[in-house]
Structures are given as C-alpha cells and as structure tokens.
C-alpha cells in the first residue's frame, strides 16, 4: 500500500523519468529502481508503520550544473528551450 496521493506520485515519477530521458544522450539508459528501505535509512523523524520504499531515477546525463542547483526546483525556472519549468517543481511539491 502506498501512502499519499496516487496522482501526485504518478506525476512525480513521470516528471523525473521525462527529465532523465531529456538529459541523457541518444541511446543512453534511464533506470527506475524501487527498493524497500531499512527504517534506519529514513530521514530523522520520518516513520511509517508499514515500511517505506525508495524510488531512484538514474540517467546518463551530465547532471545539474552547480550554479543552478539552488533554482532547479523553482516553479517556472528552466534551461530547456520551450520548457515550462514546472516538471521538477511538481516533483518537489509532490514529495513535500
């Protein structure tokens, strides 16, 4: 059972995968892994009776440049031509 809004979880994972695909070179691999977390790995103060799952999206892109990392989750901030700047903002809001 997943605690949280199903639609928000879907949007968060979708946006992370979309960004990973767009950031990766042609022919690269994007991986999505979900694993049960050990309760000791959870952030301080976070506890769930039924356990927790970690979802990781990995790509082969260059990563987010250091100079824009502080703004990467800001609504309407984008470095992509034609981008809306909402993808990572939606992810951040959904996870909060």
N, C-alpha and C. Protein backbone atom coordinates (compact mmCIF):
# COMPACT_ATOMS: atom_id res chain seq x y z
N UNK A 1 0.84 -1.17 0.00
CA UNK A 1 0.00 0.00 0.00
C UNK A 1 0.88 1.24 0.00
N UNK A 2 0.54 2.22 -0.82
CA UNK A 2 1.29 3.47 -0.90
C UNK A 2 0.50 4.54 -0.18
N UNK A 3 1.16 5.21 0.77
CA UNK A 3 0.53 6.32 1.44
C UNK A 3 0.83 7.58 0.64
N UNK A 4 -0.21 8.34 0.34
CA UNK A 4 -0.03 9.56 -0.42
C UNK A 4 -1.00 9.57 -1.58
N UNK A 5 -1.03 10.68 -2.26
CA UNK A 5 -1.94 10.85 -3.38
C UNK A 5 -1.38 10.14 -4.61
N UNK A 6 -2.15 9.18 -5.12
CA UNK A 6 -1.70 8.40 -6.27
C UNK A 6 -1.35 9.29 -7.46
N UNK A 7 -2.17 10.29 -7.73
CA UNK A 7 -1.93 11.19 -8.86
C UNK A 7 -0.63 11.96 -8.69
N UNK A 8 -0.36 12.45 -7.48
CA UNK A 8 0.89 13.19 -7.25
C UNK A 8 2.10 12.29 -7.39
N UNK A 9 2.01 11.07 -6.89
CA UNK A 9 3.11 10.13 -7.04
C UNK A 9 3.37 9.84 -8.52
N UNK A 10 2.30 9.63 -9.28
CA UNK A 10 2.43 9.40 -10.71
C UNK A 10 3.11 10.59 -11.39
N UNK A 11 2.67 11.79 -11.09
CA UNK A 11 3.26 12.99 -11.70
C UNK A 11 4.74 13.14 -11.34
N UNK A 12 5.07 12.86 -10.07
CA UNK A 12 6.45 12.99 -9.64
C UNK A 12 7.36 12.02 -10.39
N UNK A 13 6.98 10.75 -10.44
CA UNK A 13 7.80 9.75 -11.13
C UNK A 13 7.85 10.06 -12.63
N UNK A 14 6.71 10.41 -13.22
CA UNK A 14 6.67 10.74 -14.65
C UNK A 14 7.62 11.88 -14.97
N UNK A 15 7.58 12.96 -14.17
CA UNK A 15 8.44 14.11 -14.44
C UNK A 15 9.92 13.79 -14.23
N UNK A 16 10.24 12.97 -13.25
CA UNK A 16 11.63 12.57 -13.06
C UNK A 16 12.14 11.75 -14.23
N UNK A 17 11.31 10.81 -14.71
CA UNK A 17 11.72 9.98 -15.85
C UNK A 17 11.83 10.83 -17.11
N UNK A 18 10.87 11.72 -17.34
CA UNK A 18 10.92 12.59 -18.51
C UNK A 18 12.19 13.44 -18.50
N UNK A 19 12.51 14.05 -17.37
CA UNK A 19 13.73 14.85 -17.28
C UNK A 19 14.97 14.00 -17.51
N UNK A 20 14.97 12.77 -16.98
CA UNK A 20 16.12 11.88 -17.16
C UNK A 20 16.31 11.54 -18.63
N UNK A 21 15.22 11.25 -19.33
CA UNK A 21 15.30 10.93 -20.76
C UNK A 21 15.81 12.14 -21.53
N UNK A 22 15.29 13.31 -21.23
CA UNK A 22 15.68 14.52 -21.95
C UNK A 22 17.13 14.91 -21.66
N UNK A 23 17.64 14.57 -20.48
CA UNK A 23 19.01 14.93 -20.11
C UNK A 23 20.04 13.95 -20.63
N UNK A 24 19.60 12.76 -21.03
CA UNK A 24 20.54 11.72 -21.45
C UNK A 24 20.84 11.80 -22.94
N UNK A 25 22.03 11.39 -23.32
CA UNK A 25 22.37 11.35 -24.75
C UNK A 25 21.58 10.24 -25.46
N UNK A 26 21.46 10.34 -26.78
CA UNK A 26 20.77 9.31 -27.56
C UNK A 26 21.36 7.94 -27.27
N UNK A 27 20.48 6.96 -27.10
CA UNK A 27 20.91 5.59 -26.85
C UNK A 27 21.28 5.28 -25.42
N UNK A 28 21.17 6.27 -24.53
CA UNK A 28 21.52 6.06 -23.13
C UNK A 28 20.43 5.28 -22.41
N UNK A 29 20.75 4.82 -21.23
CA UNK A 29 19.81 4.07 -20.40
C UNK A 29 19.32 4.94 -19.26
N UNK A 30 18.01 4.88 -19.02
CA UNK A 30 17.41 5.50 -17.85
C UNK A 30 16.86 4.36 -17.01
N UNK A 31 17.23 4.35 -15.74
CA UNK A 31 16.80 3.27 -14.84
C UNK A 31 15.90 3.82 -13.75
N UNK A 32 14.86 3.05 -13.43
CA UNK A 32 13.99 3.37 -12.29
C UNK A 32 14.04 2.16 -11.38
N UNK A 33 14.47 2.37 -10.15
CA UNK A 33 14.57 1.30 -9.16
C UNK A 33 13.70 1.65 -7.96
N UNK A 34 13.00 0.66 -7.46
CA UNK A 34 12.23 0.83 -6.23
C UNK A 34 12.65 -0.27 -5.27
N UNK A 35 13.06 0.12 -4.08
CA UNK A 35 13.51 -0.85 -3.09
C UNK A 35 12.94 -0.49 -1.72
N UNK A 36 12.66 -1.52 -0.94
CA UNK A 36 12.20 -1.29 0.42
C UNK A 36 13.35 -0.74 1.24
N UNK A 37 13.07 0.26 2.02
CA UNK A 37 14.11 0.89 2.82
C UNK A 37 14.16 0.31 4.22
N UNK A 38 15.35 0.23 4.73
CA UNK A 38 15.57 -0.11 6.13
C UNK A 38 15.11 1.11 6.94
N UNK A 39 14.35 0.92 8.01
CA UNK A 39 13.90 2.07 8.82
C UNK A 39 15.04 2.98 9.27
N UNK A 40 16.23 2.42 9.41
CA UNK A 40 17.38 3.23 9.82
C UNK A 40 17.84 4.19 8.73
N UNK A 41 17.42 3.96 7.47
CA UNK A 41 17.83 4.82 6.36
C UNK A 41 16.91 6.02 6.18
N UNK A 42 15.76 6.02 6.85
CA UNK A 42 14.82 7.12 6.70
C UNK A 42 15.37 8.39 7.32
N UNK A 43 14.99 9.55 6.76
CA UNK A 43 15.42 10.81 7.38
C UNK A 43 14.94 10.90 8.82
N UNK A 44 15.67 11.61 9.63
CA UNK A 44 15.35 11.77 11.04
C UNK A 44 13.91 12.27 11.21
N UNK A 45 13.15 11.59 12.04
CA UNK A 45 11.77 11.99 12.32
C UNK A 45 10.74 11.39 11.39
N UNK A 46 11.15 10.67 10.34
CA UNK A 46 10.21 10.06 9.41
C UNK A 46 10.02 8.60 9.81
N UNK A 47 8.78 8.22 10.08
CA UNK A 47 8.47 6.84 10.45
C UNK A 47 7.18 6.41 9.78
N UNK A 48 7.15 5.19 9.30
CA UNK A 48 5.96 4.61 8.68
C UNK A 48 5.74 3.24 9.28
N UNK A 49 4.50 2.94 9.66
CA UNK A 49 4.18 1.64 10.26
C UNK A 49 4.38 0.50 9.27
N UNK A 50 4.09 0.73 8.00
CA UNK A 50 4.13 -0.34 7.00
C UNK A 50 5.41 -0.36 6.19
N UNK A 51 6.44 0.33 6.59
CA UNK A 51 7.68 0.35 5.83
C UNK A 51 7.70 1.48 4.82
N UNK A 52 8.81 1.65 4.17
CA UNK A 52 9.00 2.72 3.20
C UNK A 52 9.70 2.18 1.98
N UNK A 53 9.48 2.83 0.86
CA UNK A 53 10.11 2.43 -0.39
C UNK A 53 10.89 3.63 -0.93
N UNK A 54 12.07 3.36 -1.40
CA UNK A 54 12.90 4.36 -2.05
C UNK A 54 12.76 4.19 -3.56
N UNK A 55 12.47 5.28 -4.25
CA UNK A 55 12.40 5.26 -5.71
C UNK A 55 13.55 6.10 -6.23
N UNK A 56 14.36 5.51 -7.09
CA UNK A 56 15.53 6.19 -7.64
C UNK A 56 15.44 6.20 -9.15
N UNK A 57 15.63 7.37 -9.74
CA UNK A 57 15.68 7.51 -11.20
C UNK A 57 17.10 7.93 -11.54
N UNK A 58 17.75 7.12 -12.39
CA UNK A 58 19.14 7.40 -12.77
C UNK A 58 19.24 7.53 -14.28
N UNK A 59 20.06 8.46 -14.73
CA UNK A 59 20.26 8.65 -16.16
C UNK A 59 21.75 8.78 -16.45
N UNK A 60 22.08 8.97 -17.71
CA UNK A 60 23.47 9.09 -18.12
C UNK A 60 23.78 10.50 -18.60
N UNK A 61 22.98 11.46 -18.13
CA UNK A 61 23.18 12.86 -18.50
C UNK A 61 24.30 13.49 -17.68
N UNK A 62 24.59 14.76 -17.95
CA UNK A 62 25.70 15.44 -17.29
C UNK A 62 25.41 15.89 -15.86
N UNK A 63 24.17 15.79 -15.42
CA UNK A 63 23.81 16.28 -14.09
C UNK A 63 23.41 17.74 -14.14
N UNK A 64 22.94 18.23 -13.03
CA UNK A 64 22.51 19.63 -12.94
C UNK A 64 23.74 20.47 -12.59
N UNK A 65 24.05 21.48 -13.41
CA UNK A 65 25.22 22.31 -13.11
C UNK A 65 25.12 22.94 -11.73
N UNK A 66 26.22 23.00 -11.05
CA UNK A 66 26.28 23.53 -9.69
C UNK A 66 25.66 24.92 -9.57
N UNK A 67 25.88 25.75 -10.57
CA UNK A 67 25.42 27.14 -10.48
C UNK A 67 23.90 27.30 -10.55
N UNK A 68 23.17 26.25 -10.96
CA UNK A 68 21.70 26.36 -11.00
C UNK A 68 21.00 25.39 -10.05
N UNK A 69 21.73 24.63 -9.30
CA UNK A 69 21.11 23.63 -8.42
C UNK A 69 20.15 24.24 -7.41
N UNK A 70 20.45 25.42 -6.92
CA UNK A 70 19.57 26.07 -5.95
C UNK A 70 18.22 26.46 -6.55
N UNK A 71 18.17 26.59 -7.88
CA UNK A 71 16.94 27.03 -8.53
C UNK A 71 16.22 25.92 -9.28
N UNK A 72 16.79 24.74 -9.34
CA UNK A 72 16.26 23.66 -10.17
C UNK A 72 14.82 23.29 -9.85
N UNK A 73 14.39 23.46 -8.60
CA UNK A 73 13.03 23.10 -8.20
C UNK A 73 12.09 24.30 -8.14
N UNK A 74 12.58 25.47 -8.52
CA UNK A 74 11.73 26.67 -8.52
C UNK A 74 10.72 26.60 -9.67
N UNK A 75 9.45 26.93 -9.38
CA UNK A 75 8.46 26.96 -10.47
C UNK A 75 8.88 27.96 -11.54
N UNK A 76 8.70 27.57 -12.77
CA UNK A 76 8.95 28.39 -13.97
C UNK A 76 10.43 28.63 -14.26
N UNK A 77 11.33 28.02 -13.51
CA UNK A 77 12.75 28.10 -13.85
C UNK A 77 13.08 26.94 -14.78
N UNK A 78 13.65 27.23 -15.93
CA UNK A 78 14.02 26.18 -16.87
C UNK A 78 15.27 26.58 -17.65
N UNK A 79 15.98 25.58 -18.10
CA UNK A 79 17.11 25.80 -19.00
C UNK A 79 16.82 25.20 -20.37
N UNK A 80 15.61 24.63 -20.52
CA UNK A 80 15.24 23.96 -21.77
C UNK A 80 14.48 24.92 -22.68
N UNK A 81 14.87 25.00 -23.93
CA UNK A 81 14.08 25.80 -24.88
C UNK A 81 12.65 25.27 -24.95
N UNK A 82 11.69 26.12 -24.73
CA UNK A 82 10.30 25.70 -24.77
C UNK A 82 9.82 25.01 -23.51
N UNK A 83 10.67 24.90 -22.51
CA UNK A 83 10.28 24.24 -21.26
C UNK A 83 9.41 25.15 -20.41
N UNK A 84 8.59 24.53 -19.57
CA UNK A 84 7.71 25.33 -18.70
C UNK A 84 8.34 25.61 -17.34
N UNK A 85 9.31 24.82 -16.94
CA UNK A 85 9.90 24.98 -15.62
C UNK A 85 9.03 24.44 -14.51
N UNK A 86 8.08 23.58 -14.87
CA UNK A 86 7.18 23.04 -13.85
C UNK A 86 7.47 21.59 -13.47
N UNK A 87 8.22 20.86 -14.28
CA UNK A 87 8.44 19.44 -14.03
C UNK A 87 9.05 19.15 -12.68
N UNK A 88 10.22 19.70 -12.39
CA UNK A 88 10.86 19.44 -11.10
C UNK A 88 10.15 20.15 -9.96
N UNK A 89 9.48 21.25 -10.24
CA UNK A 89 8.68 21.92 -9.21
C UNK A 89 7.53 21.02 -8.77
N UNK A 90 6.90 20.34 -9.72
CA UNK A 90 5.82 19.39 -9.41
C UNK A 90 6.37 18.24 -8.57
N UNK A 91 7.54 17.75 -8.94
CA UNK A 91 8.17 16.65 -8.18
C UNK A 91 8.42 17.11 -6.75
N UNK A 92 9.01 18.26 -6.59
CA UNK A 92 9.34 18.77 -5.26
C UNK A 92 8.10 18.94 -4.41
N UNK A 93 7.06 19.51 -4.98
CA UNK A 93 5.81 19.74 -4.26
C UNK A 93 5.15 18.40 -3.89
N UNK A 94 5.15 17.47 -4.81
CA UNK A 94 4.53 16.16 -4.54
C UNK A 94 5.23 15.43 -3.40
N UNK A 95 6.54 15.50 -3.37
CA UNK A 95 7.29 14.79 -2.35
C UNK A 95 7.17 15.47 -0.99
N UNK A 96 7.07 16.79 -1.00
CA UNK A 96 6.84 17.51 0.27
C UNK A 96 5.56 17.04 0.89
